[in-house]
C-alpha atoms as a PDB file:
ATOM      1  CA  MET A   1     -29.265   1.780   9.464  1.00  0.00           C
ATOM      2  CA  THR A   2     -29.673  -1.330  11.601  1.00  0.00           C
ATOM      3  CA  GLY A   3     -26.852  -2.864  13.568  1.00  0.00           C
ATOM      4  CA  ILE A   4     -26.743  -6.013  11.364  1.00  0.00           C
ATOM      5  CA  VAL A   5     -26.201  -3.877   8.308  1.00  0.00           C
ATOM      6  CA  LEU A   6     -23.576  -1.809   9.844  1.00  0.00           C
ATOM      7  CA  TRP A   7     -21.807  -5.119  10.977  1.00  0.00           C
ATOM      8  CA  TYR A   8     -21.772  -6.574   7.360  1.00  0.00           C
ATOM      9  CA  LEU A   9     -20.810  -3.179   5.952  1.00  0.00           C
ATOM     10  CA  ASN A  10     -17.782  -2.858   8.326  1.00  0.00           C
ATOM     11  CA  ARG A  11     -16.580  -6.368   7.716  1.00  0.00           C
ATOM     12  CA  ALA A  12     -17.028  -6.075   4.014  1.00  0.00           C
ATOM     13  CA  THR A  13     -15.189  -2.605   3.710  1.00  0.00           C
ATOM     14  CA  GLY A  14     -12.414  -3.907   5.913  1.00  0.00           C
ATOM     15  CA  ILE A  15     -11.813  -7.100   4.028  1.00  0.00           C
ATOM     16  CA  THR A  16     -12.021  -5.462   0.572  1.00  0.00           C
ATOM     17  CA  SER A  17      -9.808  -2.477   1.657  1.00  0.00           C
ATOM     18  CA  LEU A  18      -7.141  -5.137   2.852  1.00  0.00           C
ATOM     19  CA  VAL A  19      -7.410  -6.970  -0.589  1.00  0.00           C
ATOM     20  CA  LEU A  20      -7.014  -3.614  -2.481  1.00  0.00           C
ATOM     21  CA  MET A  21      -4.277  -2.539  -0.122  1.00  0.00           C
ATOM     22  CA  THR A  22      -2.497  -5.823  -0.927  1.00  0.00           C
ATOM     23  CA  LEU A  23      -2.983  -5.096  -4.730  1.00  0.00           C
ATOM     24  CA  THR A  24      -1.510  -1.584  -4.208  1.00  0.00           C
ATOM     25  CA  VAL A  25       1.579  -3.064  -2.904  1.00  0.00           C
ATOM     26  CA  VAL A  26       2.041  -5.554  -5.584  1.00  0.00           C
ATOM     27  CA  LEU A  27       1.387  -2.802  -8.248  1.00  0.00           C
ATOM     28  CA  GLY A  28       3.800  -0.700  -6.389  1.00  0.00           C
ATOM     29  CA  THR A  29       6.535  -3.320  -6.803  1.00  0.00           C
ATOM     30  CA  LEU A  30       5.837  -3.809 -10.499  1.00  0.00           C
ATOM     31  CA  VAL A  31       6.183   0.095 -10.975  1.00  0.00           C
ATOM     32  CA  ARG A  32       9.454   0.116  -9.117  1.00  0.00           C
ATOM     33  CA  ARG A  33      10.742  -2.995 -11.014  1.00  0.00           C
ATOM     34  CA  HIS A  34       9.465  -1.330 -14.286  1.00  0.00           C
ATOM     35  CA  GLY A  35       7.339  -4.180 -14.672  1.00  0.00           C
ATOM     36  CA  ARG A  36       4.222  -4.392 -16.965  1.00  0.00           C
ATOM     37  CA  ILE A  37       0.785  -5.997 -17.039  1.00  0.00           C
ATOM     38  CA  PRO A  38      -0.075  -7.723 -20.395  1.00  0.00           C
ATOM     39  CA  GLY A  39      -1.988  -5.260 -22.362  1.00  0.00           C
ATOM     40  CA  LEU A  40      -1.160  -2.323 -20.442  1.00  0.00           C
ATOM     41  CA  PRO A  41       1.519   0.137 -20.983  1.00  0.00           C
ATOM     42  CA  ARG A  42       3.890   1.169 -18.069  1.00  0.00           C
ATOM     43  CA  PHE A  43       2.032   4.549 -17.468  1.00  0.00           C
ATOM     44  CA  ALA A  44      -1.167   2.630 -17.106  1.00  0.00           C
ATOM     45  CA  VAL A  45       0.178   0.484 -14.409  1.00  0.00           C
ATOM     46  CA  GLN A  46       1.186   3.597 -12.568  1.00  0.00           C
ATOM     47  CA  GLY A  47      -2.166   5.015 -12.780  1.00  0.00           C
ATOM     48  CA  LEU A  48      -3.690   1.611 -11.830  1.00  0.00           C
ATOM     49  CA  HIS A  49      -1.607   1.612  -8.717  1.00  0.00           C
ATOM     50  CA  ARG A  50      -2.675   5.221  -7.793  1.00  0.00           C
ATOM     51  CA  ASN A  51      -6.179   4.598  -8.358  1.00  0.00           C
ATOM     52  CA  VAL A  52      -6.341   1.284  -6.515  1.00  0.00           C
ATOM     53  CA  GLY A  53      -4.816   2.946  -3.505  1.00  0.00           C
ATOM     54  CA  LEU A  54      -7.283   5.704  -3.666  1.00  0.00           C
ATOM     55  CA  LEU A  55     -10.189   3.323  -3.743  1.00  0.00           C
ATOM     56  CA  SER A  56      -8.625   1.371  -0.824  1.00  0.00           C
ATOM     57  CA  ALA A  57      -8.499   4.638   1.071  1.00  0.00           C
ATOM     58  CA  LEU A  58     -12.090   5.412   0.412  1.00  0.00           C
ATOM     59  CA  LEU A  59     -13.340   1.845   1.401  1.00  0.00           C
ATOM     60  CA  LEU A  60     -10.933   2.417   4.696  1.00  0.00           C
ATOM     61  CA  ILE A  61     -12.769   5.627   5.458  1.00  0.00           C
ATOM     62  CA  THR A  62     -16.080   3.794   5.176  1.00  0.00           C
ATOM     63  CA  HIS A  63     -14.822   0.882   7.496  1.00  0.00           C
ATOM     64  CA  VAL A  64     -13.743   3.456   9.982  1.00  0.00           C
ATOM     65  CA  GLY A  65     -17.044   5.364   9.842  1.00  0.00           C
ATOM     66  CA  THR A  66     -19.134   2.221  10.344  1.00  0.00           C
ATOM     67  CA  ALA A  67     -17.233   1.316  13.271  1.00  0.00           C
ATOM     68  CA  ILE A  68     -17.881   4.687  14.765  1.00  0.00           C
ATOM     69  CA  VAL A  69     -21.553   4.679  14.129  1.00  0.00           C
ATOM     70  CA  ASP A  70     -21.986   0.992  15.342  1.00  0.00           C
ATOM     71  CA  SER A  71     -23.219   1.162  18.966  1.00  0.00           C
ATOM     72  CA  TYR A  72     -22.272  -2.479  19.550  1.00  0.00           C
ATOM     73  CA  VAL A  73     -18.496  -1.368  20.050  1.00  0.00           C
ATOM     74  CA  ASP A  74     -17.013   1.496  21.864  1.00  0.00           C
ATOM     75  CA  ILE A  75     -14.804   3.153  19.179  1.00  0.00           C
ATOM     76  CA  GLY A  76     -15.159   7.058  19.364  1.00  0.00           C
ATOM     77  CA  VAL A  77     -13.939   9.502  16.906  1.00  0.00           C
ATOM     78  CA  SER A  78     -10.664  10.079  18.653  1.00  0.00           C
ATOM     79  CA  SER A  79      -9.731   6.421  18.334  1.00  0.00           C
ATOM     80  CA  THR A  80      -9.485   6.836  14.391  1.00  0.00           C
ATOM     81  CA  PHE A  81      -6.589   9.097  15.021  1.00  0.00           C
ATOM     82  CA  VAL A  82      -5.030   8.354  18.336  1.00  0.00           C
ATOM     83  CA  PRO A  83      -3.991   4.789  18.875  1.00  0.00           C
ATOM     84  CA  PHE A  84      -4.785   2.412  21.821  1.00  0.00           C
ATOM     85  CA  VAL A  85      -7.400   4.541  23.333  1.00  0.00           C
ATOM     86  CA  ALA A  86     -10.639   2.597  22.082  1.00  0.00           C
ATOM     87  CA  GLY A  87     -12.902   1.022  24.657  1.00  0.00           C
ATOM     88  CA  TYR A  88     -13.143  -1.906  22.418  1.00  0.00           C
ATOM     89  CA  ARG A  89     -10.140  -4.177  21.941  1.00  0.00           C
ATOM     90  CA  PRO A  90      -7.761  -1.213  22.271  1.00  0.00           C
ATOM     91  CA  PHE A  91      -4.626  -2.870  21.064  1.00  0.00           C
ATOM     92  CA  ALA A  92      -6.221  -4.428  17.838  1.00  0.00           C
ATOM     93  CA  VAL A  93      -8.069  -1.197  17.166  1.00  0.00           C
ATOM     94  CA  GLY A  94      -4.936   0.815  17.925  1.00  0.00           C
ATOM     95  CA  LEU A  95      -3.082  -1.145  15.114  1.00  0.00           C
ATOM     96  CA  GLY A  96      -5.757  -0.254  12.579  1.00  0.00           C
ATOM     97  CA  THR A  97      -5.503   3.525  13.808  1.00  0.00           C
ATOM     98  CA  LEU A  98      -1.829   3.491  13.117  1.00  0.00           C
ATOM     99  CA  ALA A  99      -2.426   1.991   9.670  1.00  0.00           C
ATOM    100  CA  VAL A 100      -5.094   4.882   9.160  1.00  0.00           C
ATOM    101  CA  ASP A 101      -2.480   7.453  10.149  1.00  0.00           C
ATOM    102  CA  LEU A 102       0.176   6.112   7.859  1.00  0.00           C
ATOM    103  CA  LEU A 103      -2.337   5.746   5.005  1.00  0.00           C
ATOM    104  CA  LEU A 104      -3.379   9.349   5.289  1.00  0.00           C
ATOM    105  CA  LEU A 105       0.421  10.410   5.480  1.00  0.00           C
ATOM    106  CA  VAL A 106       1.236   8.528   2.396  1.00  0.00           C
ATOM    107  CA  LEU A 107      -1.869   9.755   0.352  1.00  0.00           C
ATOM    108  CA  VAL A 108      -1.201  13.408   1.313  1.00  0.00           C
ATOM    109  CA  THR A 109       2.440  13.350   0.416  1.00  0.00           C
ATOM    110  CA  SER A 110       1.566  11.655  -2.802  1.00  0.00           C
ATOM    111  CA  LEU A 111      -0.859  14.358  -3.718  1.00  0.00           C
ATOM    112  CA  LEU A 112       1.865  16.878  -2.902  1.00  0.00           C
ATOM    113  CA  ARG A 113       4.595  14.794  -4.746  1.00  0.00           C
ATOM    114  CA  ASN A 114       5.473  17.624  -7.120  1.00  0.00           C
ATOM    115  CA  HIS A 115       5.980  20.006  -4.159  1.00  0.00           C
ATOM    116  CA  LEU A 116       8.239  17.902  -2.181  1.00  0.00           C
ATOM    117  CA  PRO A 117      11.863  16.888  -2.465  1.00  0.00           C
ATOM    118  CA  LEU A 118      12.029  13.534  -4.221  1.00  0.00           C
ATOM    119  CA  ARG A 119      14.220  11.962  -1.292  1.00  0.00           C
ATOM    120  CA  ARG A 120      11.812  13.098   1.301  1.00  0.00           C
ATOM    121  CA  TRP A 121       8.664  11.725  -0.702  1.00  0.00           C
ATOM    122  CA  LYS A 122      10.408   8.362  -1.189  1.00  0.00           C
ATOM    123  CA  ALA A 123      11.174   8.084   2.573  1.00  0.00           C
ATOM    124  CA  VAL A 124       7.477   8.732   3.531  1.00  0.00           C
ATOM    125  CA  HIS A 125       6.330   6.476   0.698  1.00  0.00           C
ATOM    126  CA  LEU A 126       8.260   3.522   2.029  1.00  0.00           C
ATOM    127  CA  THR A 127       6.286   3.608   5.211  1.00  0.00           C
ATOM    128  CA  SER A 128       3.471   2.104   3.195  1.00  0.00           C
ATOM    129  CA  TYR A 129       5.262  -1.225   3.604  1.00  0.00           C
ATOM    130  CA  LEU A 130       4.591  -0.947   7.345  1.00  0.00           C
ATOM    131  CA  LEU A 131       0.794  -0.076   6.722  1.00  0.00           C
ATOM    132  CA  TRP A 132      -0.059  -3.499   5.377  1.00  0.00           C
ATOM    133  CA  PRO A 133       1.235  -5.630   8.353  1.00  0.00           C
ATOM    134  CA  LEU A 134      -0.511  -3.134  10.776  1.00  0.00           C
ATOM    135  CA  ALA A 135      -3.781  -3.536   8.832  1.00  0.00           C
ATOM    136  CA  PHE A 136      -3.409  -7.354   8.506  1.00  0.00           C
ATOM    137  CA  VAL A 137      -2.730  -7.848  12.311  1.00  0.00           C
ATOM    138  CA  HIS A 138      -5.630  -5.470  13.120  1.00  0.00           C
ATOM    139  CA  GLY A 139      -7.927  -7.531  10.969  1.00  0.00           C
ATOM    140  CA  ILE A 140      -7.105 -10.925  12.501  1.00  0.00           C
ATOM    141  CA  THR A 141      -7.242  -9.586  16.073  1.00  0.00           C
ATOM    142  CA  ALA A 142     -10.180  -6.943  15.903  1.00  0.00           C
ATOM    143  CA  GLY A 143     -12.430  -9.065  13.792  1.00  0.00           C
ATOM    144  CA  THR A 144     -14.537 -12.058  14.867  1.00  0.00           C
ATOM    145  CA  ASP A 145     -15.051 -13.901  11.584  1.00  0.00           C
ATOM    146  CA  LEU A 146     -11.568 -15.113  10.521  1.00  0.00           C
ATOM    147  CA  GLY A 147     -11.626 -18.286  12.513  1.00  0.00           C
ATOM    148  CA  GLY A 148     -11.713 -20.560   9.241  1.00  0.00           C
ATOM    149  CA  GLY A 149     -13.200 -20.964   5.814  1.00  0.00           C
ATOM    150  CA  TRP A 150     -12.522 -19.010   2.569  1.00  0.00           C
ATOM    151  CA  LEU A 151     -12.232 -15.620   4.270  1.00  0.00           C
ATOM    152  CA  LEU A 152      -9.296 -16.829   6.211  1.00  0.00           C
ATOM    153  CA  TRP A 153      -7.639 -18.211   3.131  1.00  0.00           C
ATOM    154  CA  LEU A 154      -8.383 -15.096   1.283  1.00  0.00           C
ATOM    155  CA  VAL A 155      -6.504 -12.973   4.026  1.00  0.00           C
ATOM    156  CA  LEU A 156      -3.429 -15.461   4.091  1.00  0.00           C
ATOM    157  CA  GLY A 157      -3.318 -15.307   0.425  1.00  0.00           C
ATOM    158  CA  CYS A 158      -2.945 -11.421   0.831  1.00  0.00           C
ATOM    159  CA  ALA A 159      -0.242 -12.106   3.285  1.00  0.00           C
ATOM    160  CA  VAL A 160       1.705 -14.239   0.857  1.00  0.00           C
ATOM    161  CA  ALA A 161       1.201 -11.755  -2.048  1.00  0.00           C
ATOM    162  CA  ALA A 162       2.338  -8.664   0.089  1.00  0.00           C
ATOM    163  CA  THR A 163       5.224 -10.597   1.520  1.00  0.00           C
ATOM    164  CA  TRP A 164       6.419 -11.485  -2.056  1.00  0.00           C
ATOM    165  CA  ALA A 165       5.927  -7.843  -3.183  1.00  0.00           C
ATOM    166  CA  SER A 166       7.730  -6.470  -0.216  1.00  0.00           C
ATOM    167  CA  LEU A 167      10.733  -8.927  -0.614  1.00  0.00           C
ATOM    168  CA  ALA A 168      11.032  -8.143  -4.281  1.00  0.00           C
ATOM    169  CA  ALA A 169      10.903  -4.401  -3.785  1.00  0.00           C
ATOM    170  CA  LEU A 170      13.604  -4.733  -1.176  1.00  0.00           C
ATOM    171  CA  ALA A 171      15.805  -6.843  -3.628  1.00  0.00           C
ATOM    172  CA  THR A 172      15.230  -4.302  -6.410  1.00  0.00           C
ATOM    173  CA  ARG A 173      16.248  -1.448  -4.155  1.00  0.00           C
ATOM    174  CA  ARG A 174      19.313  -3.268  -3.079  1.00  0.00           C
ATOM    175  CA  ASN A 175      20.431  -4.092  -6.604  1.00  0.00           C
ATOM    176  CA  THR A 176      19.799  -0.694  -8.035  1.00  0.00           C
ATOM    177  CA  PRO A 177      23.219   1.215  -8.462  1.00  0.00           C
ATOM    178  CA  PRO A 178      23.504   4.734  -6.971  1.00  0.00           C
ATOM    179  CA  PRO A 179      22.393   7.556  -9.448  1.00  0.00           C
ATOM    180  CA  GLY A 180      25.935   8.647 -10.106  1.00  0.00           C
ATOM    181  CA  GLU A 181      27.036   4.994 -11.214  1.00  0.00           C
ATOM    182  CA  ARG A 182      23.874   4.825 -13.410  1.00  0.00           C
ATOM    183  CA  ALA A 183      24.744   8.251 -15.048  1.00  0.00           C
ATOM    184  CA  ALA A 184      28.197   6.932 -15.815  1.00  0.00           C
ATOM    185  CA  ALA A 185      27.012   3.684 -17.275  1.00  0.00           C
ATOM    186  CA  ALA A 186      24.548   5.575 -19.493  1.00  0.00           C
ATOM    187  CA  LEU A 187      27.223   7.907 -20.731  1.00  0.00           C
ATOM    188  CA  THR A 188      29.680   5.103 -21.453  1.00  0.00           C
ATOM    189  CA  ALA A 189      26.960   2.989 -23.196  1.00  0.00           C
ATOM    190  CA  THR A 190      25.885   6.052 -25.342  1.00  0.00           C
ATOM    191  CA  SER A 191      29.471   6.755 -26.373  1.00  0.00           C
ATOM    192  CA  ASP A 192      29.952   3.352 -27.348  1.00  0.00           C
ATOM    193  CA  ALA A 193      26.907   3.136 -29.364  1.00  0.00           C
ATOM    194  CA  LEU A 194      27.812   6.367 -31.055  1.00  0.00           C
ATOM    195  CA  ALA A 195      31.157   4.895 -31.911  1.00  0.00           C
ATOM    196  CA  THR A 196      29.892   1.653 -33.332  1.00  0.00           C
ATOM    197  CA  GLY A 197      26.421   2.721 -34.756  1.00  0.00           C
ATOM    198  CA  THR A 198      24.594   0.266 -32.492  1.00  0.00           C
ATOM    199  CA  PRO A 199      21.278   1.017 -30.786  1.00  0.00           C
ATOM    200  CA  VAL A 200      21.456   2.732 -27.355  1.00  0.00           C
ATOM    201  CA  GLY A 201      20.004   0.700 -24.449  1.00  0.00           C
ATOM    202  CA  VAL A 202      17.217   2.171 -22.227  1.00  0.00           C
ATOM    203  CA  PHE A 203      18.264   3.624 -18.917  1.00  0.00           C
ATOM    204  CA  ARG A 204      15.786   4.193 -16.295  1.00  0.00           C
ATOM    205  CA  ASN A 205      16.179   6.557 -13.285  1.00  0.00           C
ATOM    206  CA  GLY A 206      14.996   4.634 -10.408  1.00  0.00           C
END
């Protein structure tokens, strides 16, 4: 595979992975806020969130692989796991390495979700909100083709979408009552509904 092909493949997979990572953050916020996409049930939104995240990870692996193989830059295998040791732009590449490490942590714990305490899984999953800014800064500092044009606008659009999703998720988290209060409210509402014969509202855990 020629150097120019590797160059284009590396840039294409990096940008596409960032776009899909942004979509993963937005879908994750929809899932957390119990939102829906027109025409899709909620479980389908959850599945879409998971599958887009996996596709982003596969593209990220390709992005890392092409960077290692490309002889134009000095990025060894160790640089993909240990941050700030690359010979080429160590700070910028190191941020990308941190993003890869966080992504692997989130993916592994997501696959093991049914075997982990819920609170621990949520704590690890929240680190995904650090993953995006790391990948974003890595992209604009390690790359050489974001000086202007549609590609820059695409990346800035991703930044706006990810920022909105993160702030919305934070607001949802702050406004969600503790489990004990939700259980008490559900019990009170159910008792009132049985007494009056009115329909019971829907209470969600999370």
